[in-house]
Amino acid sequence: MGENDSDVLQQVQYYRKVVLMYEALDKEIDTLIMAHGGTSDGMSPDDLEHYRDLARQRDELHNEMREIEQKLLADDEMES
């Protein structure tokens, strides 16, 4: 396995980790929303702040996933 292959493998492993963290946050958000009747409208100020924090974290992970995907695709195109 070459150095580039090792780098790509590490990127893929990190990507999988980020995806799992994203999915966990998404599930936590769903649970929080469903505990309030499927909407954020009836949340207490503390729950609403927590919901927004979780959503922000999830958005950051989503952006990170997209960046990794773009890098992996660029690496793949360079090898072709």
PDB file of N, CA and C in Angstrom:
ATOM      1  N   MET A   1       0.849  -1.166   0.000  1.00  0.00           N
ATOM      2  CA  MET A   1       0.000   0.000   0.000  1.00  0.00           C
ATOM      3  C   MET A   1       0.897   1.233   0.000  1.00  0.00           C
ATOM      4  N   GLY A   2       0.650   2.151  -0.952  1.00  0.00           N
ATOM      5  CA  GLY A   2       1.454   3.362  -1.053  1.00  0.00           C
ATOM      6  C   GLY A   2       1.029   4.397  -0.024  1.00  0.00           C
ATOM      7  N   GLU A   3       1.830   5.451   0.050  1.00  0.00           N
ATOM      8  CA  GLU A   3       1.553   6.526   1.012  1.00  0.00           C
ATOM      9  C   GLU A   3       0.208   7.177   0.709  1.00  0.00           C
ATOM     10  N   ASN A   4      -0.092   7.377  -0.565  1.00  0.00           N
ATOM     11  CA  ASN A   4      -1.361   7.990  -0.941  1.00  0.00           C
ATOM     12  C   ASN A   4      -2.535   7.095  -0.567  1.00  0.00           C
ATOM     13  N   ASP A   5      -2.375   5.785  -0.742  1.00  0.00           N
ATOM     14  CA  ASP A   5      -3.428   4.845  -0.365  1.00  0.00           C
ATOM     15  C   ASP A   5      -3.690   4.906   1.137  1.00  0.00           C
ATOM     16  N   SER A   6      -2.639   5.017   1.906  1.00  0.00           N
ATOM     17  CA  SER A   6      -2.764   5.106   3.361  1.00  0.00           C
ATOM     18  C   SER A   6      -3.483   6.388   3.752  1.00  0.00           C
ATOM     19  N   ASP A   7      -3.158   7.492   3.083  1.00  0.00           N
ATOM     20  CA  ASP A   7      -3.813   8.770   3.349  1.00  0.00           C
ATOM     21  C   ASP A   7      -5.300   8.687   3.019  1.00  0.00           C
ATOM     22  N   VAL A   8      -5.629   8.097   1.893  1.00  0.00           N
ATOM     23  CA  VAL A   8      -7.032   7.955   1.490  1.00  0.00           C
ATOM     24  C   VAL A   8      -7.780   7.074   2.494  1.00  0.00           C
ATOM     25  N   LEU A   9      -7.159   5.996   2.934  1.00  0.00           N
ATOM     26  CA  LEU A   9      -7.778   5.117   3.916  1.00  0.00           C
ATOM     27  C   LEU A   9      -8.064   5.879   5.208  1.00  0.00           C
ATOM     28  N   GLN A  10      -7.117   6.700   5.651  1.00  0.00           N
ATOM     29  CA  GLN A  10      -7.329   7.492   6.860  1.00  0.00           C
ATOM     30  C   GLN A  10      -8.466   8.485   6.665  1.00  0.00           C
ATOM     31  N   GLN A  11      -8.543   9.090   5.484  1.00  0.00           N
ATOM     32  CA  GLN A  11      -9.626  10.025   5.201  1.00  0.00           C
ATOM     33  C   GLN A  11     -10.980   9.320   5.217  1.00  0.00           C
ATOM     34  N   VAL A  12     -11.036   8.146   4.639  1.00  0.00           N
ATOM     35  CA  VAL A  12     -12.285   7.385   4.612  1.00  0.00           C
ATOM     36  C   VAL A  12     -12.689   6.976   6.024  1.00  0.00           C
ATOM     37  N   GLN A  13     -11.736   6.542   6.817  1.00  0.00           N
ATOM     38  CA  GLN A  13     -12.035   6.178   8.201  1.00  0.00           C
ATOM     39  C   GLN A  13     -12.530   7.383   8.991  1.00  0.00           C
ATOM     40  N   TYR A  14     -11.910   8.533   8.791  1.00  0.00           N
ATOM     41  CA  TYR A  14     -12.350   9.752   9.465  1.00  0.00           C
ATOM     42  C   TYR A  14     -13.753  10.150   8.983  1.00  0.00           C
ATOM     43  N   TYR A  15     -13.994  10.010   7.690  1.00  0.00           N
ATOM     44  CA  TYR A  15     -15.311  10.309   7.125  1.00  0.00           C
ATOM     45  C   TYR A  15     -16.387   9.452   7.791  1.00  0.00           C
ATOM     46  N   ARG A  16     -16.106   8.181   7.939  1.00  0.00           N
ATOM     47  CA  ARG A  16     -17.069   7.278   8.590  1.00  0.00           C
ATOM     48  C   ARG A  16     -17.351   7.719  10.022  1.00  0.00           C
ATOM     49  N   LYS A  17     -16.318   8.150  10.718  1.00  0.00           N
ATOM     50  CA  LYS A  17     -16.472   8.633  12.091  1.00  0.00           C
ATOM     51  C   LYS A  17     -17.370   9.871  12.123  1.00  0.00           C
ATOM     52  N   VAL A  18     -17.134  10.790  11.203  1.00  0.00           N
ATOM     53  CA  VAL A  18     -17.947  12.009  11.134  1.00  0.00           C
ATOM     54  C   VAL A  18     -19.396  11.660  10.816  1.00  0.00           C
ATOM     55  N   VAL A  19     -19.618  10.719   9.903  1.00  0.00           N
ATOM     56  CA  VAL A  19     -20.975  10.296   9.555  1.00  0.00           C
ATOM     57  C   VAL A  19     -21.685   9.726  10.786  1.00  0.00           C
ATOM     58  N   LEU A  20     -20.999   8.914  11.559  1.00  0.00           N
ATOM     59  CA  LEU A  20     -21.602   8.344  12.765  1.00  0.00           C
ATOM     60  C   LEU A  20     -21.945   9.423  13.786  1.00  0.00           C
ATOM     61  N   MET A  21     -21.071  10.410  13.927  1.00  0.00           N
ATOM     62  CA  MET A  21     -21.359  11.515  14.849  1.00  0.00           C
ATOM     63  C   MET A  21     -22.564  12.319  14.347  1.00  0.00           C
ATOM     64  N   TYR A  22     -22.627  12.542  13.041  1.00  0.00           N
ATOM     65  CA  TYR A  22     -23.757  13.255  12.434  1.00  0.00           C
ATOM     66  C   TYR A  22     -25.067  12.504  12.697  1.00  0.00           C
ATOM     67  N   GLU A  23     -25.043  11.213  12.456  1.00  0.00           N
ATOM     68  CA  GLU A  23     -26.249  10.406  12.654  1.00  0.00           C
ATOM     69  C   GLU A  23     -26.690  10.393  14.114  1.00  0.00           C
ATOM     70  N   ALA A  24     -25.738  10.354  15.034  1.00  0.00           N
ATOM     71  CA  ALA A  24     -26.070  10.380  16.461  1.00  0.00           C
ATOM     72  C   ALA A  24     -26.722  11.708  16.835  1.00  0.00           C
ATOM     73  N   LEU A  25     -26.177  12.808  16.336  1.00  0.00           N
ATOM     74  CA  LEU A  25     -26.783  14.118  16.612  1.00  0.00           C
ATOM     75  C   LEU A  25     -28.166  14.216  15.991  1.00  0.00           C
ATOM     76  N   ASP A  26     -28.315  13.716  14.788  1.00  0.00           N
ATOM     77  CA  ASP A  26     -29.611  13.747  14.115  1.00  0.00           C
ATOM     78  C   ASP A  26     -30.658  12.979  14.925  1.00  0.00           C
ATOM     79  N   LYS A  27     -30.263  11.831  15.434  1.00  0.00           N
ATOM     80  CA  LYS A  27     -31.177  11.025  16.255  1.00  0.00           C
ATOM     81  C   LYS A  27     -31.526  11.767  17.553  1.00  0.00           C
ATOM     82  N   GLU A  28     -30.541  12.406  18.168  1.00  0.00           N
ATOM     83  CA  GLU A  28     -30.795  13.156  19.399  1.00  0.00           C
ATOM     84  C   GLU A  28     -31.745  14.321  19.139  1.00  0.00           C
ATOM     85  N   ILE A  29     -31.565  14.990  18.002  1.00  0.00           N
ATOM     86  CA  ILE A  29     -32.465  16.087  17.627  1.00  0.00           C
ATOM     87  C   ILE A  29     -33.876  15.552  17.415  1.00  0.00           C
ATOM     88  N   ASP A  30     -33.992  14.457  16.684  1.00  0.00           N
ATOM     89  CA  ASP A  30     -35.317  13.855  16.454  1.00  0.00           C
ATOM     90  C   ASP A  30     -35.997  13.501  17.766  1.00  0.00           C
ATOM     91  N   THR A  31     -35.253  12.917  18.680  1.00  0.00           N
ATOM     92  CA  THR A  31     -35.813  12.539  19.985  1.00  0.00           C
ATOM     93  C   THR A  31     -36.297  13.767  20.738  1.00  0.00           C
ATOM     94  N   LEU A  32     -35.506  14.828  20.722  1.00  0.00           N
ATOM     95  CA  LEU A  32     -35.874  16.059  21.416  1.00  0.00           C
ATOM     96  C   LEU A  32     -37.129  16.675  20.797  1.00  0.00           C
ATOM     97  N   ILE A  33     -37.188  16.715  19.483  1.00  0.00           N
ATOM     98  CA  ILE A  33     -38.355  17.281  18.812  1.00  0.00           C
ATOM     99  C   ILE A  33     -39.596  16.439  19.089  1.00  0.00           C
ATOM    100  N   MET A  34     -39.464  15.131  19.009  1.00  0.00           N
ATOM    101  CA  MET A  34     -40.628  14.261  19.231  1.00  0.00           C
ATOM    102  C   MET A  34     -41.116  14.350  20.679  1.00  0.00           C
ATOM    103  N   ALA A  35     -40.226  14.634  21.609  1.00  0.00           N
ATOM    104  CA  ALA A  35     -40.626  14.796  23.009  1.00  0.00           C
ATOM    105  C   ALA A  35     -41.470  16.062  23.200  1.00  0.00           C
ATOM    106  N   HIS A  36     -41.455  16.931  22.184  1.00  0.00           N
ATOM    107  CA  HIS A  36     -42.226  18.169  22.246  1.00  0.00           C
ATOM    108  C   HIS A  36     -43.291  18.211  21.155  1.00  0.00           C
ATOM    109  N   GLY A  37     -43.850  17.064  20.854  1.00  0.00           N
ATOM    110  CA  GLY A  37     -44.952  16.997  19.902  1.00  0.00           C
ATOM    111  C   GLY A  37     -44.560  17.196  18.452  1.00  0.00           C
ATOM    112  N   GLY A  38     -43.305  16.984  18.122  1.00  0.00           N
ATOM    113  CA  GLY A  38     -42.874  17.041  16.728  1.00  0.00           C
ATOM    114  C   GLY A  38     -42.526  18.440  16.242  1.00  0.00           C
ATOM    115  N   THR A  39     -42.455  19.389  17.159  1.00  0.00           N
ATOM    116  CA  THR A  39     -42.130  20.760  16.770  1.00  0.00           C
ATOM    117  C   THR A  39     -41.300  21.433  17.857  1.00  0.00           C
ATOM    118  N   SER A  40     -40.584  22.462  17.471  1.00  0.00           N
ATOM    119  CA  SER A  40     -39.795  23.194  18.457  1.00  0.00           C
ATOM    120  C   SER A  40     -40.602  24.314  19.107  1.00  0.00           C
ATOM    121  N   ASP A  41     -41.825  24.532  18.636  1.00  0.00           N
ATOM    122  CA  ASP A  41     -42.651  25.641  19.119  1.00  0.00           C
ATOM    123  C   ASP A  41     -42.908  25.600  20.622  1.00  0.00           C
ATOM    124  N   GLY A  42     -43.134  24.430  21.185  1.00  0.00           N
ATOM    125  CA  GLY A  42     -43.477  24.329  22.601  1.00  0.00           C
ATOM    126  C   GLY A  42     -42.304  24.070  23.528  1.00  0.00           C
ATOM    127  N   MET A  43     -41.093  24.191  23.008  1.00  0.00           N
ATOM    128  CA  MET A  43     -39.919  23.905  23.833  1.00  0.00           C
ATOM    129  C   MET A  43     -39.674  25.019  24.842  1.00  0.00           C
ATOM    130  N   SER A  44     -39.162  24.621  26.001  1.00  0.00           N
ATOM    131  CA  SER A  44     -38.733  25.607  26.988  1.00  0.00           C
ATOM    132  C   SER A  44     -37.519  26.348  26.432  1.00  0.00           C
ATOM    133  N   PRO A  45     -37.196  27.505  26.964  1.00  0.00           N
ATOM    134  CA  PRO A  45     -36.008  28.212  26.485  1.00  0.00           C
ATOM    135  C   PRO A  45     -34.726  27.364  26.571  1.00  0.00           C
ATOM    136  N   ASP A  46     -34.593  26.577  27.635  1.00  0.00           N
ATOM    137  CA  ASP A  46     -33.406  25.713  27.768  1.00  0.00           C
ATOM    138  C   ASP A  46     -33.390  24.628  26.696  1.00  0.00           C
ATOM    139  N   ASP A  47     -34.548  23.998  26.474  1.00  0.00           N
ATOM    140  CA  ASP A  47     -34.619  22.953  25.449  1.00  0.00           C
ATOM    141  C   ASP A  47     -34.393  23.541  24.057  1.00  0.00           C
ATOM    142  N   LEU A  48     -34.927  24.731  23.817  1.00  0.00           N
ATOM    143  CA  LEU A  48     -34.748  25.376  22.525  1.00  0.00           C
ATOM    144  C   LEU A  48     -33.270  25.724  22.295  1.00  0.00           C
ATOM    145  N   GLU A  49     -32.602  26.187  23.321  1.00  0.00           N
ATOM    146  CA  GLU A  49     -31.175  26.479  23.212  1.00  0.00           C
ATOM    147  C   GLU A  49     -30.391  25.199  22.936  1.00  0.00           C
ATOM    148  N   HIS A  50     -30.754  24.129  23.625  1.00  0.00           N
ATOM    149  CA  HIS A  50     -30.092  22.834  23.406  1.00  0.00           C
ATOM    150  C   HIS A  50     -30.346  22.345  21.979  1.00  0.00           C
ATOM    151  N   TYR A  51     -31.580  22.474  21.521  1.00  0.00           N
ATOM    152  CA  TYR A  51     -31.940  22.078  20.161  1.00  0.00           C
ATOM    153  C   TYR A  51     -31.107  22.853  19.136  1.00  0.00           C
ATOM    154  N   ARG A  52     -31.003  24.148  19.322  1.00  0.00           N
ATOM    155  CA  ARG A  52     -30.235  24.976  18.389  1.00  0.00           C
ATOM    156  C   ARG A  52     -28.753  24.616  18.406  1.00  0.00           C
ATOM    157  N   ASP A  53     -28.226  24.315  19.578  1.00  0.00           N
ATOM    158  CA  ASP A  53     -26.824  23.906  19.695  1.00  0.00           C
ATOM    159  C   ASP A  53     -26.589  22.587  18.966  1.00  0.00           C
ATOM    160  N   LEU A  54     -27.491  21.640  19.160  1.00  0.00           N
ATOM    161  CA  LEU A  54     -27.372  20.352  18.465  1.00  0.00           C
ATOM    162  C   LEU A  54     -27.459  20.541  16.952  1.00  0.00           C
ATOM    163  N   ALA A  55     -28.394  21.376  16.524  1.00  0.00           N
ATOM    164  CA  ALA A  55     -28.562  21.622  15.084  1.00  0.00           C
ATOM    165  C   ALA A  55     -27.315  22.283  14.502  1.00  0.00           C
ATOM    166  N   ARG A  56     -26.713  23.215  15.240  1.00  0.00           N
ATOM    167  CA  ARG A  56     -25.489  23.868  14.782  1.00  0.00           C
ATOM    168  C   ARG A  56     -24.359  22.849  14.649  1.00  0.00           C
ATOM    169  N   GLN A  57     -24.231  21.984  15.645  1.00  0.00           N
ATOM    170  CA  GLN A  57     -23.193  20.949  15.593  1.00  0.00           C
ATOM    171  C   GLN A  57     -23.419  20.016  14.404  1.00  0.00           C
ATOM    172  N   ARG A  58     -24.691  19.655  14.194  1.00  0.00           N
ATOM    173  CA  ARG A  58     -25.018  18.767  13.073  1.00  0.00           C
ATOM    174  C   ARG A  58     -24.678  19.445  11.748  1.00  0.00           C
ATOM    175  N   ASP A  59     -24.994  20.729  11.623  1.00  0.00           N
ATOM    176  CA  ASP A  59     -24.673  21.462  10.398  1.00  0.00           C
ATOM    177  C   ASP A  59     -23.164  21.504  10.155  1.00  0.00           C
ATOM    178  N   GLU A  60     -22.405  21.715  11.221  1.00  0.00           N
ATOM    179  CA  GLU A  60     -20.939  21.744  11.091  1.00  0.00           C
ATOM    180  C   GLU A  60     -20.414  20.386  10.621  1.00  0.00           C
ATOM    181  N   LEU A  61     -20.969  19.309  11.165  1.00  0.00           N
ATOM    182  CA  LEU A  61     -20.547  17.974  10.739  1.00  0.00           C
ATOM    183  C   LEU A  61     -20.935  17.727   9.287  1.00  0.00           C
ATOM    184  N   HIS A  62     -22.103  18.197   8.895  1.00  0.00           N
ATOM    185  CA  HIS A  62     -22.541  18.034   7.503  1.00  0.00           C
ATOM    186  C   HIS A  62     -21.574  18.752   6.561  1.00  0.00           C
ATOM    187  N   ASN A  63     -21.186  19.969   6.938  1.00  0.00           N
ATOM    188  CA  ASN A  63     -20.216  20.702   6.122  1.00  0.00           C
ATOM    189  C   ASN A  63     -18.882  19.967   6.053  1.00  0.00           C
ATOM    190  N   GLU A  64     -18.464  19.405   7.167  1.00  0.00           N
ATOM    191  CA  GLU A  64     -17.214  18.658   7.193  1.00  0.00           C
ATOM    192  C   GLU A  64     -17.301  17.416   6.302  1.00  0.00           C
ATOM    193  N   MET A  65     -18.443  16.741   6.334  1.00  0.00           N
ATOM    194  CA  MET A  65     -18.640  15.574   5.475  1.00  0.00           C
ATOM    195  C   MET A  65     -18.494  15.970   4.005  1.00  0.00           C
ATOM    196  N   ARG A  66     -19.099  17.078   3.642  1.00  0.00           N
ATOM    197  CA  ARG A  66     -19.037  17.526   2.243  1.00  0.00           C
ATOM    198  C   ARG A  66     -17.599  17.871   1.842  1.00  0.00           C
ATOM    199  N   GLU A  67     -16.858  18.507   2.749  1.00  0.00           N
ATOM    200  CA  GLU A  67     -15.459  18.840   2.453  1.00  0.00           C
ATOM    201  C   GLU A  67     -14.633  17.571   2.233  1.00  0.00           C
ATOM    202  N   ILE A  68     -14.842  16.584   3.082  1.00  0.00           N
ATOM    203  CA  ILE A  68     -14.100  15.321   2.946  1.00  0.00           C
ATOM    204  C   ILE A  68     -14.478  14.646   1.630  1.00  0.00           C
ATOM    205  N   GLU A  69     -15.773  14.640   1.314  1.00  0.00           N
ATOM    206  CA  GLU A  69     -16.225  14.038   0.056  1.00  0.00           C
ATOM    207  C   GLU A  69     -15.546  14.700  -1.138  1.00  0.00           C
ATOM    208  N   GLN A  70     -15.501  16.035  -1.127  1.00  0.00           N
ATOM    209  CA  GLN A  70     -14.877  16.762  -2.232  1.00  0.00           C
ATOM    210  C   GLN A  70     -13.395  16.419  -2.341  1.00  0.00           C
ATOM    211  N   LYS A  71     -12.721  16.318  -1.215  1.00  0.00           N
ATOM    212  CA  LYS A  71     -11.288  15.981  -1.230  1.00  0.00           C
ATOM    213  C   LYS A  71     -11.082  14.567  -1.756  1.00  0.00           C
ATOM    214  N   LEU A  72     -11.915  13.648  -1.311  1.00  0.00           N
ATOM    215  CA  LEU A  72     -11.793  12.267  -1.794  1.00  0.00           C
ATOM    216  C   LEU A  72     -12.066  12.176  -3.283  1.00  0.00           C
ATOM    217  N   LEU A  73     -13.064  12.914  -3.742  1.00  0.00           N
ATOM    218  CA  LEU A  73     -13.358  12.907  -5.185  1.00  0.00           C
ATOM    219  C   LEU A  73     -12.220  13.525  -5.987  1.00  0.00           C
ATOM    220  N   ALA A  74     -11.637  14.601  -5.465  1.00  0.00           N
ATOM    221  CA  ALA A  74     -10.501  15.243  -6.148  1.00  0.00           C
ATOM    222  C   ALA A  74      -9.307  14.289  -6.194  1.00  0.00           C
ATOM    223  N   ASP A  75      -9.066  13.589  -5.093  1.00  0.00           N
ATOM    224  CA  ASP A  75      -7.962  12.617  -5.065  1.00  0.00           C
ATOM    225  C   ASP A  75      -8.204  11.504  -6.066  1.00  0.00           C
ATOM    226  N   ASP A  76      -9.458  11.065  -6.171  1.00  0.00           N
ATOM    227  CA  ASP A  76      -9.805   9.993  -7.095  1.00  0.00           C
ATOM    228  C   ASP A  76      -9.614  10.447  -8.540  1.00  0.00           C
ATOM    229  N   GLU A  77      -9.982  11.687  -8.836  1.00  0.00           N
ATOM    230  CA  GLU A  77      -9.813  12.201 -10.197  1.00  0.00           C
ATOM    231  C   GLU A  77      -8.344  12.349 -10.569  1.00  0.00           C
ATOM    232  N   MET A  78      -7.510  12.687  -9.581  1.00  0.00           N
ATOM    233  CA  MET A  78      -6.071  12.834  -9.845  1.00  0.00           C
ATOM    234  C   MET A  78      -5.450  11.474 -10.164  1.00  0.00           C
ATOM    235  N   GLU A  79      -5.986  10.394  -9.599  1.00  0.00           N
ATOM    236  CA  GLU A  79      -5.439   9.061  -9.853  1.00  0.00           C
ATOM    237  C   GLU A  79      -5.886   8.518 -11.193  1.00  0.00           C
ATOM    238  N   SER A  80      -6.996   9.038 -11.722  1.00  0.00           N
ATOM    239  CA  SER A  80      -7.532   8.513 -13.005  1.00  0.00           C
ATOM    240  C   SER A  80      -6.738   8.990 -14.186  1.00  0.00           C
TER     241      SER A  80
END
